[in-house]
């Protein structure tokens, strides 16, 4: 793969790193919430489970979204280089 579009490649890596940080941060916060102590005594158990698991689901969605954006940037760079190769080969046939 050529070294064109260095800034876009850096942005793609930044999206992936940010996705990793979101994943780790969400899991760390949830773990710390669990270790903090037993949930409130006046609440239903289903409510407590929802309060613990909902941030994990949101964090996974954010992680997936950011990682997908990073991969999408790389995909567009690859498509652009492939289209340039096709265009170059078609213009050389004439």
C-alpha atoms as a PDB file:
ATOM      1  CA  UNK A   1       0.000   0.000   0.000  1.00  0.00           C
ATOM      2  CA  UNK A   2       1.383   3.398  -0.892  1.00  0.00           C
ATOM      3  CA  UNK A   3       2.183   6.074   1.635  1.00  0.00           C
ATOM      4  CA  UNK A   4      -0.319   8.541   0.207  1.00  0.00           C
ATOM      5  CA  UNK A   5      -2.829  10.212   2.477  1.00  0.00           C
ATOM      6  CA  UNK A   6      -0.679  10.107   5.599  1.00  0.00           C
ATOM      7  CA  UNK A   7      -3.017  12.425   7.479  1.00  0.00           C
ATOM      8  CA  UNK A   8      -6.019  10.209   6.778  1.00  0.00           C
ATOM      9  CA  UNK A   9      -4.069   7.179   7.945  1.00  0.00           C
ATOM     10  CA  UNK A  10      -3.198   8.997  11.175  1.00  0.00           C
ATOM     11  CA  UNK A  11      -6.858   9.916  11.632  1.00  0.00           C
ATOM     12  CA  UNK A  12      -7.786   6.277  11.108  1.00  0.00           C
ATOM     13  CA  UNK A  13      -5.301   5.180  13.765  1.00  0.00           C
ATOM     14  CA  UNK A  14      -6.623   7.894  16.086  1.00  0.00           C
ATOM     15  CA  UNK A  15     -10.172   6.547  15.687  1.00  0.00           C
ATOM     16  CA  UNK A  16      -8.966   3.047  16.522  1.00  0.00           C
ATOM     17  CA  UNK A  17      -7.007   4.206  19.567  1.00  0.00           C
ATOM     18  CA  UNK A  18     -10.001   6.217  20.742  1.00  0.00           C
ATOM     19  CA  UNK A  19     -12.182   3.126  20.314  1.00  0.00           C
ATOM     20  CA  UNK A  20      -9.789   1.148  22.494  1.00  0.00           C
ATOM     21  CA  UNK A  21      -9.781   3.882  25.145  1.00  0.00           C
ATOM     22  CA  UNK A  22     -13.584   4.008  25.174  1.00  0.00           C
ATOM     23  CA  UNK A  23     -13.755   0.236  25.571  1.00  0.00           C
ATOM     24  CA  UNK A  24     -11.232   0.155  28.403  1.00  0.00           C
ATOM     25  CA  UNK A  25     -12.704   3.209  30.114  1.00  0.00           C
ATOM     26  CA  UNK A  26     -16.234   1.870  30.020  1.00  0.00           C
ATOM     27  CA  UNK A  27     -15.179  -1.475  31.428  1.00  0.00           C
ATOM     28  CA  UNK A  28     -13.039   0.159  34.112  1.00  0.00           C
ATOM     29  CA  UNK A  29     -15.864   2.426  35.252  1.00  0.00           C
ATOM     30  CA  UNK A  30     -18.301  -0.480  35.318  1.00  0.00           C
ATOM     31  CA  UNK A  31     -15.844  -2.636  37.249  1.00  0.00           C
ATOM     32  CA  UNK A  32     -15.281   0.146  39.770  1.00  0.00           C
ATOM     33  CA  UNK A  33     -19.034   0.596  40.143  1.00  0.00           C
ATOM     34  CA  UNK A  34     -19.444  -3.118  40.854  1.00  0.00           C
ATOM     35  CA  UNK A  35     -16.566  -3.137  43.344  1.00  0.00           C
ATOM     36  CA  UNK A  36     -17.878  -0.046  45.108  1.00  0.00           C
ATOM     37  CA  UNK A  37     -20.303  -2.094  47.103  1.00  0.00           C
ATOM     38  CA  UNK A  38     -23.684  -3.725  46.943  1.00  0.00           C
ATOM     39  CA  UNK A  39     -26.315  -1.809  45.001  1.00  0.00           C
ATOM     40  CA  UNK A  40     -29.010   0.171  46.778  1.00  0.00           C
ATOM     41  CA  UNK A  41     -31.115  -1.963  49.046  1.00  0.00           C
ATOM     42  CA  UNK A  42     -34.441  -0.396  48.125  1.00  0.00           C
ATOM     43  CA  UNK A  43     -34.200  -1.136  44.407  1.00  0.00           C
ATOM     44  CA  UNK A  44     -35.283  -4.131  42.380  1.00  0.00           C
ATOM     45  CA  UNK A  45     -32.517  -6.512  41.231  1.00  0.00           C
ATOM     46  CA  UNK A  46     -33.452  -6.090  37.550  1.00  0.00           C
ATOM     47  CA  UNK A  47     -32.988  -2.327  37.886  1.00  0.00           C
ATOM     48  CA  UNK A  48     -29.550  -2.840  39.407  1.00  0.00           C
ATOM     49  CA  UNK A  49     -28.481  -5.253  36.675  1.00  0.00           C
ATOM     50  CA  UNK A  50     -29.716  -2.818  34.012  1.00  0.00           C
ATOM     51  CA  UNK A  51     -27.754   0.018  35.622  1.00  0.00           C
ATOM     52  CA  UNK A  52     -24.598  -2.073  35.543  1.00  0.00           C
ATOM     53  CA  UNK A  53     -24.946  -3.520  32.041  1.00  0.00           C
ATOM     54  CA  UNK A  54     -26.358  -0.554  30.118  1.00  0.00           C
ATOM     55  CA  UNK A  55     -23.078   1.430  30.175  1.00  0.00           C
ATOM     56  CA  UNK A  56     -21.258  -1.636  28.848  1.00  0.00           C
ATOM     57  CA  UNK A  57     -23.658  -1.887  25.894  1.00  0.00           C
ATOM     58  CA  UNK A  58     -23.321   1.820  25.145  1.00  0.00           C
ATOM     59  CA  UNK A  59     -19.542   1.542  25.431  1.00  0.00           C
ATOM     60  CA  UNK A  60     -19.495  -1.398  23.029  1.00  0.00           C
ATOM     61  CA  UNK A  61     -21.624   0.549  20.555  1.00  0.00           C
ATOM     62  CA  UNK A  62     -19.284   3.549  20.763  1.00  0.00           C
ATOM     63  CA  UNK A  63     -16.257   1.283  20.389  1.00  0.00           C
ATOM     64  CA  UNK A  64     -17.714  -0.438  17.349  1.00  0.00           C
ATOM     65  CA  UNK A  65     -18.693   2.885  15.793  1.00  0.00           C
ATOM     66  CA  UNK A  66     -15.251   4.474  16.253  1.00  0.00           C
ATOM     67  CA  UNK A  67     -13.365   1.396  15.058  1.00  0.00           C
ATOM     68  CA  UNK A  68     -15.640   1.170  12.023  1.00  0.00           C
ATOM     69  CA  UNK A  69     -14.928   4.810  11.180  1.00  0.00           C
ATOM     70  CA  UNK A  70     -11.213   4.068  11.294  1.00  0.00           C
ATOM     71  CA  UNK A  71     -11.622   1.084   8.992  1.00  0.00           C
ATOM     72  CA  UNK A  72     -13.889   3.077   6.676  1.00  0.00           C
ATOM     73  CA  UNK A  73     -11.188   5.698   6.182  1.00  0.00           C
ATOM     74  CA  UNK A  74      -8.707   2.957   5.230  1.00  0.00           C
ATOM     75  CA  UNK A  75     -11.304   1.421   2.888  1.00  0.00           C
ATOM     76  CA  UNK A  76     -11.817   4.744   1.100  1.00  0.00           C
ATOM     77  CA  UNK A  77      -8.058   5.201   0.721  1.00  0.00           C
ATOM     78  CA  UNK A  78      -7.815   1.723  -0.808  1.00  0.00           C
ATOM     79  CA  UNK A  79     -10.724   2.409  -3.143  1.00  0.00           C
ATOM     80  CA  UNK A  80      -9.130   5.663  -4.290  1.00  0.00           C
ATOM     81  CA  UNK A  81      -5.816   3.980  -5.062  1.00  0.00           C
ATOM     82  CA  UNK A  82      -7.573   1.131  -6.895  1.00  0.00           C
ATOM     83  CA  UNK A  83      -9.592   3.597  -8.969  1.00  0.00           C
ATOM     84  CA  UNK A  84      -6.411   5.473  -9.847  1.00  0.00           C
ATOM     85  CA  UNK A  85      -4.808   2.214 -11.020  1.00  0.00           C
ATOM     86  CA  UNK A  86      -7.863   1.345 -13.122  1.00  0.00           C
ATOM     87  CA  UNK A  87      -7.964   4.835 -14.614  1.00  0.00           C
ATOM     88  CA  UNK A  88      -4.247   4.676 -15.386  1.00  0.00           C
ATOM     89  CA  UNK A  89      -4.585   1.273 -17.071  1.00  0.00           C
ATOM     90  CA  UNK A  90      -7.569   2.431 -19.134  1.00  0.00           C
ATOM     91  CA  UNK A  91      -5.820   5.577 -20.324  1.00  0.00           C
ATOM     92  CA  UNK A  92      -2.732   3.557 -21.344  1.00  0.00           C
ATOM     93  CA  UNK A  93      -4.823   1.230 -23.546  1.00  0.00           C
ATOM     94  CA  UNK A  94      -5.891   4.109 -25.793  1.00  0.00           C
END
